[in-house]
Amino acid sequence: MSHIDVQHVSYSLPDGRVLLDDITFRIPDGAVAALVGPNGAGKTTLLRMIAADIAPDSGAIVHSGRLAVMRQFIGQMHEGTVRDLLLTVSPTLLRNAAADLDAAELRLMETDDEPSQMSYAGAIADFGDAGGYEAEVTWDVVSMAAMGENFETVRNRRVSTLSGGEQKRIVLEYLFRGVEEVLLLDEPDNYLDVPGKIWLEHQLKTTAKTVLLISHDRELLNQAATHVVSVELGAAGNSVWVHGGNFDSFHEARRERFSRLEELRRRWDEELIKLRALVLTLREKAKFNDGLASRYQAAVTRLKKFEEAGPPLEVPREQNVNMRLHGGRTAKRAVVAEHLELTGLTEAFDLEIWFGERLAVLGANGSGKSHLLRLLARGGSDPDIEHQPVGEVAIPEVAHSGSVRLGSRVRPGWFAQTHVRPDLAGRTLLEVLHRGDGRRVGLPRELAARALDRYELAAAGEQVFDTLSGGQQARFQILLLELSGATMLLLDEPTDNLDLASAEALEIGLNAFDGSVVAVTHDRWFARNFDRFLIFGRDGSVAVSDEPVWSGW
């Protein structure tokens, strides 16, 4: 049996602001609970408190069963080996024993004397007692499942040679096979391609472990989550509400809850007005009728107790991201590609993208999808002045043969998947908007602040771009596209870091956009809104489909 129990937990930021206030919820044995909420609302902080990385200011957190954690940095590691990667999610006792064994082995290599030999022998015994050799058997199974090679072959392979998806997959394979009964997973689906996400869904649906995960992938949540733990925004600190059902019913249940809270508050306000009116009436009458004095005092007492009990729970503030993507008329054929071949990646293919079309680009990682977007973002094979990209970001050249041309009045706006923006580094959001650039007019500070407010970025206006969360960076890049005058949007995994409300706001904004949209995505929910699909195969083939294809690439 395993569970997670969080009781009356509160946590304040270093500047004194209350981030989480009186958080109480319980995840039952065997449940797969999704922790959702706006970027920056405290989801990762809450997960870290459950993992005992940080302590709450007040309250208690308990769990039954052994616990393992996949932290957010998995998928972004550049140092160490595959063995080191697996040790990062291993029990503390095993990690310490492995570190002692490595140190003893190094000393023995430097000084082969009796004390070093005895120390090495002791470290081997301690490693075995900590379950190291049983773990290596599991690591061998994990390596074969995730990489197709045994552990001895890959144990010293540098983790920097693995893709983010490979890092995630090998760690997840280990955690689902491990002895821990409780798993905390911080964005486990990031960097996974769609077959990897489908595999993850299967693991979540079939595991007997109790799982609490943070994810922005609506399809994965819809398929795998049995409970939804929603972090709700509040003026005096964020709270939590638990929906005891799947994600498909979450939004309707949340709307009904908000309606109930609004009705309760309306009734409370009405009762307060009645009680205050009664007290005033009886006070005036008691001046002329001593017999009403007791009734007056009873009314005063009743009002005092009513006010001390306070109003019902406040209706949580809903995140309100309003993306006003405009676009503009262009030639009917926005893009024409003839015998286009991305060097070393694809075979030659032809393609036409029409004005107003929504084209989703699907396929395996490394098949050339992002290269196509960058080529279009540069204006094609031989760009005219009007086809130069909006903004100041330098877009790398793309080796290719054949040709791709953009139609008249097509101004490409590019959203970069990695959010690496040297043109924005070290600058505050207000500074970027106020100054403008070669293709975007600067905004007065008041208008700049209003624009940030529409994207829920007003509080971050004085922050530099580099310090923003991934979701905040994504929203700011979309705001820059809105202000740029782009008539064709080129979006590389735009929903990867967006919270649920922001992803839905982007979909609404794209529906209203007057122009063509080309998006590379692994987000199956997001792809539902697209007209056609360009499928990149591992064999270099590129084909157009009227339906999304999520396997067999």
Protein backbone atom coordinates (compact mmCIF):
# COMPACT_ATOMS: atom_id res chain seq x y z
CA MET A 1 0.00 0.00 0.00
CA SER A 2 1.27 3.48 -0.85
CA HIS A 3 -0.18 6.97 -0.74
CA ILE A 4 0.72 10.67 -0.47
CA ASP A 5 -0.90 12.85 2.20
CA VAL A 6 -0.40 16.63 2.26
CA GLN A 7 -2.00 18.44 5.21
CA HIS A 8 -2.29 22.23 5.65
CA VAL A 9 1.03 22.98 3.94
CA SER A 10 2.09 26.59 3.35
CA TYR A 11 5.22 27.94 1.69
CA SER A 12 6.54 31.48 1.19
CA LEU A 13 9.08 32.76 -1.33
CA PRO A 14 12.34 34.34 -0.14
CA ASP A 15 10.88 37.83 -0.66
CA GLY A 16 8.08 37.01 1.80
CA ARG A 17 5.26 36.46 -0.71
CA VAL A 18 3.04 33.48 0.11
CA LEU A 19 3.23 31.03 -2.81
CA LEU A 20 1.19 28.13 -1.41
CA ASP A 21 -1.40 28.56 1.34
CA ASP A 22 -3.02 25.78 3.41
CA ILE A 23 -2.55 23.04 0.81
CA THR A 24 -4.38 19.83 1.68
CA PHE A 25 -4.92 16.78 -0.53
CA ARG A 26 -4.44 13.01 -0.59
CA ILE A 27 -3.34 10.73 -3.44
CA PRO A 28 -4.68 7.20 -2.78
CA ASP A 29 -2.86 3.95 -3.37
CA GLY A 30 -2.32 3.11 -7.04
CA ALA A 31 -3.67 6.44 -8.35
CA VAL A 32 -2.05 8.39 -11.18
CA ALA A 33 -2.59 12.03 -10.24
CA ALA A 34 -1.78 14.93 -12.57
CA LEU A 35 -0.56 18.13 -10.90
CA VAL A 36 -1.69 21.00 -13.15
CA GLY A 37 -1.83 24.78 -12.94
CA PRO A 38 -0.37 27.97 -14.40
CA ASN A 39 3.37 28.37 -14.96
CA GLY A 40 4.92 29.68 -11.76
CA ALA A 41 1.96 28.71 -9.55
CA GLY A 42 4.12 26.40 -7.40
CA LYS A 43 3.72 22.93 -8.94
CA THR A 44 7.44 22.07 -8.94
CA THR A 45 7.84 23.64 -5.47
CA LEU A 46 5.06 21.39 -4.16
CA LEU A 47 6.66 18.35 -5.78
CA ARG A 48 10.02 19.25 -4.20
CA MET A 49 8.41 19.53 -0.77
CA ILE A 50 6.87 16.06 -1.15
CA ALA A 51 10.32 14.79 -2.19
CA ALA A 52 11.80 16.47 0.94
CA ASP A 53 14.13 18.64 -1.13
CA ILE A 54 12.74 21.70 0.66
CA ALA A 55 10.72 22.06 3.86
CA PRO A 56 7.30 23.70 4.06
CA ASP A 57 6.82 26.70 6.34
CA SER A 58 3.99 24.86 8.07
CA GLY A 59 1.92 21.72 7.74
CA ALA A 60 2.89 18.09 7.25
CA ILE A 61 3.62 15.79 4.31
CA VAL A 62 3.69 12.01 4.70
CA HIS A 63 3.78 9.11 2.30
CA SER A 64 3.76 5.36 2.70
CA GLY A 65 6.16 3.28 0.64
CA ARG A 66 9.54 4.11 -0.83
CA LEU A 67 9.69 7.16 -3.06
CA ALA A 68 11.60 7.94 -6.26
CA VAL A 69 11.78 11.27 -8.10
CA MET A 70 12.36 12.30 -11.71
CA ARG A 71 13.35 15.95 -11.55
CA GLN A 72 12.90 18.54 -14.26
CA PHE A 73 16.57 18.60 -15.34
CA ILE A 74 16.42 15.02 -16.68
CA GLY A 75 16.65 15.45 -20.44
CA GLN A 76 18.98 18.44 -20.13
CA MET A 77 22.04 16.75 -18.59
CA HIS A 78 25.42 17.39 -20.22
CA GLU A 79 27.81 16.00 -17.60
CA GLY A 80 28.51 12.41 -16.56
CA THR A 81 27.81 8.98 -18.00
CA VAL A 82 24.79 6.73 -18.46
CA ARG A 83 25.67 5.09 -15.13
CA ASP A 84 25.72 8.52 -13.46
CA LEU A 85 22.32 9.29 -15.00
CA LEU A 86 20.81 6.12 -13.53
CA LEU A 87 22.38 6.83 -10.15
CA THR A 88 20.68 10.27 -10.00
CA VAL A 89 17.32 8.50 -9.62
CA SER A 90 18.60 5.65 -7.43
CA PRO A 91 18.12 5.42 -3.64
CA THR A 92 20.46 7.63 -1.57
CA LEU A 93 22.15 4.60 0.02
CA LEU A 94 23.03 3.20 -3.41
CA ARG A 95 24.26 6.58 -4.70
CA ASN A 96 26.55 6.99 -1.70
CA ALA A 97 27.87 3.42 -1.97
CA ALA A 98 28.60 3.92 -5.69
CA ALA A 99 30.45 7.19 -4.97
CA ASP A 100 32.55 5.47 -2.27
CA LEU A 101 33.34 2.59 -4.64
CA ASP A 102 34.44 4.99 -7.38
CA ALA A 103 36.67 6.89 -4.93
CA ALA A 104 38.21 3.67 -3.57
CA GLU A 105 38.87 2.41 -7.10
CA LEU A 106 40.59 5.69 -7.98
CA ARG A 107 42.79 5.53 -4.87
CA LEU A 108 43.74 1.95 -5.72
CA MET A 109 44.73 2.99 -9.24
CA GLU A 110 46.91 5.77 -7.83
CA THR A 111 48.41 3.81 -4.91
CA ASP A 112 48.29 0.01 -5.02
CA ASP A 113 49.08 -0.67 -1.34
CA GLU A 114 47.41 -2.74 1.36
CA PRO A 115 45.28 0.09 2.87
CA SER A 116 43.95 0.99 -0.59
CA GLN A 117 43.20 -2.65 -1.31
CA MET A 118 41.36 -3.05 2.00
CA SER A 119 39.40 0.17 1.37
CA TYR A 120 38.45 -1.07 -2.10
CA ALA A 121 37.33 -4.45 -0.75
CA GLY A 122 35.18 -2.73 1.87
CA ALA A 123 33.65 -0.44 -0.76
CA ILE A 124 32.76 -3.46 -2.91
CA ALA A 125 31.04 -5.10 0.04
CA ASP A 126 29.14 -1.91 0.90
CA PHE A 127 28.05 -1.53 -2.74
CA GLY A 128 26.67 -5.06 -2.68
CA ASP A 129 24.90 -4.48 0.64
CA ALA A 130 23.29 -1.34 -0.81
CA GLY A 131 21.78 -3.42 -3.62
CA GLY A 132 24.27 -2.28 -6.25
CA TYR A 133 24.59 -5.58 -8.09
CA GLU A 134 20.84 -6.15 -8.18
CA ALA A 135 20.53 -2.59 -9.53
CA GLU A 136 23.04 -3.35 -12.29
CA VAL A 137 20.92 -6.31 -13.38
CA THR A 138 17.93 -3.95 -13.64
CA TRP A 139 20.08 -1.36 -15.45
CA ASP A 140 20.98 -4.01 -18.02
CA VAL A 141 17.29 -4.66 -18.71
CA VAL A 142 16.66 -0.91 -18.83
CA SER A 143 19.52 -0.26 -21.25
CA MET A 144 18.30 -2.93 -23.62
CA ALA A 145 14.73 -1.61 -23.50
CA ALA A 146 15.65 2.07 -23.93
CA MET A 147 18.78 1.92 -26.12
CA GLY A 148 18.95 -1.57 -27.58
CA GLU A 149 22.34 -2.25 -25.94
CA ASN A 150 23.39 -3.91 -22.69
CA PHE A 151 24.53 -1.91 -19.69
CA GLU A 152 28.22 -2.87 -19.95
CA THR A 153 28.29 -1.40 -23.46
CA VAL A 154 26.69 1.93 -22.57
CA ARG A 155 27.60 2.45 -18.88
CA ASN A 156 30.49 4.84 -19.66
CA ARG A 157 28.83 6.54 -22.62
CA ARG A 158 28.71 10.30 -22.08
CA VAL A 159 25.17 11.43 -21.29
CA SER A 160 25.77 14.46 -23.54
CA THR A 161 25.64 12.09 -26.53
CA LEU A 162 22.03 11.14 -25.66
CA SER A 163 19.07 13.15 -26.87
CA GLY A 164 16.70 14.59 -24.29
CA GLY A 165 14.19 11.90 -25.20
CA GLU A 166 16.77 9.13 -24.70
CA GLN A 167 17.68 10.52 -21.26
CA LYS A 168 14.02 10.59 -20.27
CA ARG A 169 13.29 7.11 -21.61
CA ILE A 170 16.17 5.35 -19.84
CA VAL A 171 15.27 6.97 -16.50
CA LEU A 172 11.56 6.19 -16.87
CA GLU A 173 12.32 2.56 -17.80
CA TYR A 174 14.30 2.29 -14.55
CA LEU A 175 11.71 4.01 -12.34
CA PHE A 176 8.79 1.89 -13.55
CA ARG A 177 10.86 -1.26 -12.96
CA GLY A 178 12.24 -0.09 -9.60
CA VAL A 179 11.26 -1.17 -6.11
CA GLU A 180 9.85 2.24 -5.13
CA GLU A 181 6.09 2.32 -4.62
CA VAL A 182 5.64 6.10 -5.07
CA LEU A 183 6.85 8.06 -8.11
CA LEU A 184 7.10 11.85 -8.45
CA LEU A 185 7.58 12.78 -12.11
CA ASP A 186 8.27 16.40 -13.13
CA GLU A 187 7.35 16.76 -16.81
CA PRO A 188 8.28 13.17 -17.76
CA ASP A 189 6.92 13.57 -21.31
CA ASN A 190 9.10 16.54 -22.30
CA TYR A 191 11.54 15.59 -25.12
CA LEU A 192 9.70 12.32 -25.81
CA ASP A 193 8.42 11.82 -29.34
CA VAL A 194 4.86 10.57 -29.79
CA PRO A 195 5.71 6.82 -29.73
CA GLY A 196 7.59 7.56 -26.50
CA LYS A 197 4.56 9.36 -25.06
CA ILE A 198 2.28 6.48 -26.03
CA TRP A 199 4.71 4.11 -24.27
CA LEU A 200 4.62 6.39 -21.18
CA GLU A 201 0.80 6.39 -21.21
CA HIS A 202 0.83 2.58 -21.20
CA GLN A 203 3.24 2.49 -18.26
CA LEU A 204 1.10 4.91 -16.27
CA LYS A 205 -2.09 2.99 -17.00
CA THR A 206 -0.64 -0.41 -16.05
CA THR A 207 1.65 0.43 -13.12
CA ALA A 208 0.64 -0.51 -9.57
CA LYS A 209 2.68 2.39 -8.21
CA THR A 210 1.19 5.62 -6.87
CA VAL A 211 2.21 8.42 -9.24
CA LEU A 212 2.08 12.21 -8.98
CA LEU A 213 3.19 13.87 -12.21
CA ILE A 214 3.45 17.35 -13.68
CA SER A 215 2.65 17.51 -17.38
CA HIS A 216 1.32 19.96 -19.95
CA ASP A 217 0.45 17.24 -22.48
CA ARG A 218 -3.35 17.21 -22.53
CA GLU A 219 -3.62 13.96 -24.49
CA LEU A 220 -1.32 12.13 -22.07
CA LEU A 221 -3.28 13.50 -19.10
CA ASN A 222 -6.53 12.49 -20.74
CA GLN A 223 -5.32 8.96 -21.36
CA ALA A 224 -3.51 8.22 -18.09
CA ALA A 225 -4.58 10.44 -15.17
CA THR A 226 -7.12 9.06 -12.68
CA HIS A 227 -7.10 12.25 -10.54
CA VAL A 228 -6.31 15.90 -11.29
CA VAL A 229 -4.70 18.08 -8.59
CA SER A 230 -5.22 21.67 -9.71
CA VAL A 231 -3.15 24.52 -8.25
CA GLU A 232 -5.55 27.48 -8.10
CA LEU A 233 -4.41 31.12 -8.12
CA GLY A 234 -5.26 33.22 -5.08
CA ALA A 235 -4.40 36.74 -3.94
CA ALA A 236 -3.17 35.55 -0.53
CA GLY A 237 -1.40 32.45 -1.82
CA ASN A 238 -2.31 29.63 -4.18
CA SER A 239 -4.55 26.78 -3.09
CA VAL A 240 -5.29 23.28 -4.40
CA TRP A 241 -8.45 21.56 -5.57
CA VAL A 242 -8.61 17.83 -6.37
CA HIS A 243 -10.83 16.47 -9.13
CA GLY A 244 -11.43 12.78 -8.52
CA GLY A 245 -11.83 11.94 -12.19
CA ASN A 246 -9.92 12.02 -15.45
CA PHE A 247 -8.78 15.05 -17.41
CA ASP A 248 -11.61 14.76 -19.92
CA SER A 249 -14.12 15.73 -17.22
CA PHE A 250 -11.83 18.16 -15.38
CA HIS A 251 -12.79 21.41 -17.13
CA GLU A 252 -16.54 20.88 -16.77
CA ALA A 253 -16.18 19.90 -13.11
CA ARG A 254 -14.03 22.99 -12.49
CA ARG A 255 -16.58 25.29 -14.13
CA GLU A 256 -19.35 23.76 -11.99
CA ARG A 257 -17.24 24.25 -8.89
CA PHE A 258 -16.63 27.91 -9.73
CA SER A 259 -20.39 28.36 -10.24
CA ARG A 260 -21.09 26.81 -6.82
CA LEU A 261 -18.50 29.04 -5.15
CA GLU A 262 -19.98 32.12 -6.80
CA GLU A 263 -23.49 31.13 -5.66
CA LEU A 264 -22.28 30.51 -2.09
CA ARG A 265 -20.56 33.89 -2.02
CA ARG A 266 -23.68 35.60 -3.40
CA ARG A 267 -25.82 34.01 -0.67
CA TRP A 268 -23.29 34.93 2.01
CA ASP A 269 -23.26 38.56 0.85
CA GLU A 270 -27.08 38.62 0.88
CA GLU A 271 -27.20 37.17 4.39
CA LEU A 272 -24.62 39.71 5.60
CA ILE A 273 -26.73 42.57 4.25
CA LYS A 274 -29.84 41.17 5.95
CA LEU A 275 -28.10 40.75 9.32
CA ARG A 276 -26.64 44.25 9.23
CA ALA A 277 -30.04 45.69 8.30
CA LEU A 278 -31.65 43.74 11.17
CA VAL A 279 -29.11 45.07 13.68
CA LEU A 280 -29.68 48.65 12.53
CA THR A 281 -33.46 48.24 12.67
CA LEU A 282 -33.47 46.70 16.15
CA ARG A 283 -31.00 49.28 17.45
CA GLU A 284 -33.34 52.10 16.44
CA LYS A 285 -36.43 50.34 17.81
CA ALA A 286 -34.68 49.45 21.08
CA LYS A 287 -34.20 53.15 21.78
CA PHE A 288 -37.96 53.45 22.27
CA ASN A 289 -38.82 49.93 23.42
CA ASP A 290 -36.81 48.32 26.24
CA GLY A 291 -38.41 44.98 25.44
CA LEU A 292 -36.44 44.79 22.19
CA ALA A 293 -33.03 45.19 23.86
CA SER A 294 -32.50 41.44 24.20
CA ARG A 295 -33.41 40.85 20.56
CA TYR A 296 -31.00 43.61 19.55
CA GLN A 297 -28.13 42.05 21.53
CA ALA A 298 -28.91 38.62 20.06
CA ALA A 299 -28.78 40.10 16.53
CA VAL A 300 -25.44 41.80 17.30
CA THR A 301 -24.02 38.50 18.57
CA ARG A 302 -25.32 36.66 15.54
CA LEU A 303 -23.75 39.24 13.17
CA LYS A 304 -20.42 39.09 15.01
CA LYS A 305 -20.25 35.29 14.76
CA PHE A 306 -21.27 35.39 11.09
CA GLU A 307 -18.51 37.89 10.26
CA GLU A 308 -15.93 36.00 12.35
CA ALA A 309 -16.72 32.77 10.47
CA GLY A 310 -15.95 34.70 7.29
CA PRO A 311 -17.13 34.26 3.74
CA PRO A 312 -16.98 30.94 1.89
CA LEU A 313 -13.96 30.03 -0.19
CA GLU A 314 -13.05 32.72 -2.69
CA VAL A 315 -13.49 31.86 -6.35
CA PRO A 316 -9.90 31.25 -7.58
CA ARG A 317 -8.53 33.73 -10.07
CA GLU A 318 -8.49 32.22 -13.53
CA GLN A 319 -5.46 32.76 -15.71
CA ASN A 320 -6.48 35.04 -18.55
CA VAL A 321 -4.02 34.93 -21.46
CA ASN A 322 -5.30 36.88 -24.45
CA MET A 323 -3.23 36.38 -27.62
CA ARG A 324 -4.23 38.74 -30.43
CA LEU A 325 -2.50 37.20 -33.43
CA HIS A 326 -3.47 39.27 -36.47
CA GLY A 327 -1.58 38.32 -39.66
CA GLY A 328 -2.61 39.79 -43.01
CA ARG A 329 -3.47 38.94 -46.59
CA THR A 330 -0.78 37.28 -48.71
CA ALA A 331 -0.58 35.52 -52.05
CA LYS A 332 -2.83 32.47 -52.35
CA ARG A 333 0.20 30.20 -52.46
CA ALA A 334 2.17 31.16 -49.34
CA VAL A 335 4.92 28.57 -49.91
CA VAL A 336 6.00 26.62 -52.99
CA ALA A 337 8.74 23.97 -52.66
CA GLU A 338 10.05 22.12 -55.73
CA HIS A 339 12.39 19.13 -55.50
CA LEU A 340 13.39 20.34 -52.04
CA GLU A 341 15.91 18.12 -50.29
CA LEU A 342 17.28 18.89 -46.84
CA THR A 343 20.87 17.74 -47.16
CA GLY A 344 21.55 14.50 -45.28
CA LEU A 345 18.03 14.38 -43.88
CA THR A 346 15.32 13.98 -46.51
CA GLU A 347 14.68 12.85 -50.02
CA ALA A 348 13.49 15.45 -52.53
CA PHE A 349 9.84 16.48 -52.13
CA ASP A 350 7.36 19.05 -53.46
CA LEU A 351 5.05 21.08 -51.26
CA GLU A 352 2.49 23.89 -51.51
CA ILE A 353 1.12 25.75 -48.50
CA TRP A 354 -1.92 27.92 -49.12
CA PHE A 355 -2.92 31.19 -47.53
CA GLY A 356 -4.82 30.55 -44.30
CA GLU A 357 -3.82 26.88 -44.12
CA ARG A 358 -2.79 25.17 -40.88
CA LEU A 359 -0.06 22.61 -41.58
CA ALA A 360 1.31 20.40 -38.78
CA VAL A 361 4.75 18.84 -39.31
CA LEU A 362 5.05 15.42 -37.67
CA GLY A 363 7.78 12.82 -37.46
CA ALA A 364 10.63 11.38 -35.45
CA ASN A 365 13.25 13.51 -33.70
CA GLY A 366 16.17 14.31 -35.98
CA SER A 367 14.26 13.75 -39.22
CA GLY A 368 14.55 17.36 -40.44
CA LYS A 369 11.33 19.01 -39.25
CA SER A 370 13.01 21.94 -37.48
CA HIS A 371 15.38 22.38 -40.45
CA LEU A 372 12.38 22.96 -42.72
CA LEU A 373 11.00 25.60 -40.35
CA ARG A 374 14.35 27.40 -40.17
CA LEU A 375 14.62 27.39 -43.97
CA LEU A 376 11.18 28.98 -44.25
CA ALA A 377 12.03 31.41 -41.45
CA ARG A 378 15.05 32.63 -43.42
CA GLY A 379 12.73 33.43 -46.32
CA GLY A 380 13.34 30.32 -48.42
CA SER A 381 16.09 29.57 -50.93
CA ASP A 382 16.50 33.09 -52.32
CA PRO A 383 14.55 35.49 -50.11
CA ASP A 384 13.41 38.93 -51.20
CA ILE A 385 13.50 41.84 -48.77
CA GLU A 386 9.83 41.33 -47.87
CA HIS A 387 10.52 37.72 -46.92
CA GLN A 388 13.23 38.46 -44.38
CA PRO A 389 12.33 37.19 -40.91
CA VAL A 390 10.76 39.50 -38.35
CA GLY A 391 12.85 40.26 -35.30
CA GLU A 392 16.61 40.34 -34.77
CA VAL A 393 17.30 36.68 -34.00
CA ALA A 394 19.96 35.11 -36.21
CA ILE A 395 18.57 31.99 -37.90
CA PRO A 396 21.21 29.37 -38.90
CA GLU A 397 21.56 28.49 -42.57
CA VAL A 398 20.02 25.23 -43.74
CA ALA A 399 21.89 23.11 -46.29
CA HIS A 400 19.51 22.05 -49.04
CA SER A 401 19.02 21.53 -52.75
CA GLY A 402 16.02 22.32 -54.91
CA SER A 403 14.05 25.45 -54.12
CA VAL A 404 11.47 26.84 -51.73
CA ARG A 405 9.87 30.23 -52.38
CA LEU A 406 7.54 32.37 -50.29
CA GLY A 407 4.58 34.15 -51.86
CA SER A 408 4.18 37.91 -51.99
CA ARG A 409 3.51 39.70 -48.69
CA VAL A 410 4.52 36.60 -46.72
CA ARG A 411 6.50 37.72 -43.67
CA PRO A 412 7.69 34.71 -41.66
CA GLY A 413 7.64 34.82 -37.86
CA TRP A 414 9.63 32.04 -36.17
CA PHE A 415 9.09 30.53 -32.71
CA ALA A 416 12.27 28.72 -31.61
CA GLN A 417 11.86 25.43 -29.76
CA THR A 418 14.92 25.89 -27.55
CA HIS A 419 14.04 29.50 -26.57
CA VAL A 420 17.71 30.39 -27.13
CA ARG A 421 17.44 34.08 -28.01
CA PRO A 422 20.78 35.95 -27.86
CA ASP A 423 18.94 39.08 -29.06
CA LEU A 424 16.85 39.05 -25.87
CA ALA A 425 19.54 37.96 -23.39
CA GLY A 426 20.18 40.34 -20.53
CA ARG A 427 17.23 42.58 -21.39
CA THR A 428 14.02 43.11 -19.43
CA LEU A 429 10.68 42.46 -21.10
CA LEU A 430 9.65 46.12 -20.88
CA GLU A 431 12.98 47.15 -22.41
CA VAL A 432 12.53 44.77 -25.35
CA LEU A 433 9.01 46.01 -26.06
CA HIS A 434 9.87 49.68 -25.53
CA ARG A 435 12.90 49.68 -27.81
CA GLY A 436 11.48 47.63 -30.70
CA ASP A 437 13.75 46.35 -33.46
CA GLY A 438 14.31 46.66 -37.19
CA ARG A 439 10.90 45.17 -38.05
CA ARG A 440 8.88 45.91 -34.92
CA VAL A 441 7.92 49.38 -33.71
CA GLY A 442 8.70 50.12 -30.07
CA LEU A 443 5.79 50.58 -27.68
CA PRO A 444 5.30 53.34 -25.10
CA ARG A 445 5.81 51.90 -21.63
CA GLU A 446 2.10 52.04 -20.81
CA LEU A 447 1.14 50.10 -23.94
CA ALA A 448 4.02 47.68 -23.33
CA ALA A 449 2.75 47.03 -19.80
CA ARG A 450 -0.77 46.41 -21.13
CA ALA A 451 0.55 43.92 -23.69
CA LEU A 452 2.46 42.05 -20.98
CA ASP A 453 -0.68 42.00 -18.84
CA ARG A 454 -2.64 40.29 -21.64
CA TYR A 455 -0.02 37.51 -21.59
CA GLU A 456 0.02 37.24 -17.77
CA LEU A 457 3.56 38.68 -17.78
CA ALA A 458 2.94 42.05 -16.10
CA ALA A 459 4.65 40.98 -12.87
CA ALA A 460 7.71 39.87 -14.87
CA GLY A 461 8.08 43.12 -16.82
CA GLU A 462 11.30 44.13 -15.03
CA GLN A 463 12.81 40.64 -15.25
CA VAL A 464 15.41 39.84 -17.88
CA PHE A 465 14.38 37.25 -20.46
CA ASP A 466 17.01 34.72 -19.30
CA THR A 467 15.48 34.46 -15.81
CA LEU A 468 11.95 33.61 -16.96
CA SER A 469 10.48 30.13 -16.72
CA GLY A 470 10.15 28.12 -19.92
CA GLY A 471 6.43 28.88 -20.09
CA GLN A 472 6.98 32.62 -19.58
CA GLN A 473 9.65 32.67 -22.30
CA ALA A 474 7.29 30.89 -24.66
CA ARG A 475 4.47 33.37 -24.00
CA PHE A 476 6.80 36.33 -24.49
CA GLN A 477 8.04 34.97 -27.82
CA ILE A 478 4.44 34.61 -28.98
CA LEU A 479 3.77 38.21 -27.90
CA LEU A 480 6.72 39.36 -30.03
CA LEU A 481 5.23 37.48 -32.99
CA GLU A 482 1.91 39.21 -32.36
CA LEU A 483 3.60 42.63 -32.47
CA SER A 484 5.88 41.81 -35.42
CA GLY A 485 3.37 41.92 -38.26
CA ALA A 486 4.18 38.35 -39.34
CA THR A 487 1.76 36.94 -41.90
CA MET A 488 3.03 33.33 -41.64
CA LEU A 489 3.74 31.74 -38.28
CA LEU A 490 6.44 29.06 -38.02
CA LEU A 491 6.09 27.39 -34.63
CA ASP A 492 8.59 24.80 -33.39
CA GLU A 493 6.99 22.82 -30.53
CA PRO A 494 5.11 25.90 -29.25
CA THR A 495 3.13 24.09 -26.53
CA ASP A 496 6.05 22.23 -24.94
CA ASN A 497 6.38 24.60 -21.97
CA LEU A 498 2.97 26.27 -21.99
CA ASP A 499 0.58 25.57 -19.15
CA LEU A 500 -2.90 24.33 -20.05
CA ALA A 501 -4.56 27.77 -20.08
CA SER A 502 -1.80 29.25 -22.24
CA ALA A 503 -1.96 26.37 -24.72
CA GLU A 504 -5.71 26.87 -25.05
CA ALA A 505 -5.17 30.63 -25.49
CA LEU A 506 -2.67 29.90 -28.28
CA GLU A 507 -5.22 27.70 -30.05
CA ILE A 508 -7.80 30.49 -29.86
CA GLY A 509 -5.24 33.00 -31.14
CA LEU A 510 -4.26 30.78 -34.06
CA ASN A 511 -7.90 30.26 -35.02
CA ALA A 512 -8.24 34.04 -35.36
CA PHE A 513 -4.90 34.50 -37.17
CA ASP A 514 -5.31 35.78 -40.73
CA GLY A 515 -2.48 33.90 -42.43
CA SER A 516 -0.74 30.54 -42.74
CA VAL A 517 0.53 28.51 -39.79
CA VAL A 518 3.20 25.79 -39.98
CA ALA A 519 3.90 24.03 -36.68
CA VAL A 520 6.26 21.23 -35.72
CA THR A 521 4.56 19.40 -32.87
CA HIS A 522 4.38 16.21 -30.85
CA ASP A 523 1.27 17.53 -29.09
CA ARG A 524 -1.59 15.34 -30.29
CA TRP A 525 -4.26 17.52 -28.65
CA PHE A 526 -2.86 20.67 -30.29
CA ALA A 527 -2.64 18.93 -33.69
CA ARG A 528 -6.40 18.30 -33.73
CA ASN A 529 -6.92 21.86 -35.01
CA PHE A 530 -4.76 21.52 -38.15
CA ASP A 531 -5.91 21.04 -41.75
CA ARG A 532 -3.11 18.90 -43.18
CA PHE A 533 -0.09 17.02 -41.93
CA LEU A 534 3.43 16.79 -43.35
CA ILE A 535 4.99 13.49 -42.25
CA PHE A 536 8.79 13.15 -42.01
CA GLY A 537 9.92 9.51 -42.04
CA ARG A 538 13.11 8.08 -40.55
CA ASP A 539 14.00 6.83 -44.04
CA GLY A 540 14.09 10.40 -45.40
CA SER A 541 10.65 10.31 -46.97
CA VAL A 542 8.34 13.33 -46.72
CA ALA A 543 4.62 12.93 -47.43
CA VAL A 544 1.42 14.93 -47.01
CA SER A 545 -1.52 13.38 -45.14
CA ASP A 546 -5.07 14.51 -44.40
CA GLU A 547 -4.89 12.75 -41.02
CA PRO A 548 -2.20 12.83 -38.31
CA VAL A 549 0.20 9.88 -38.31
CA TRP A 550 1.77 9.13 -34.91
CA SER A 551 3.62 5.88 -35.58
CA GLY A 552 5.49 4.03 -38.30
CA TRP A 553 7.77 6.98 -39.03
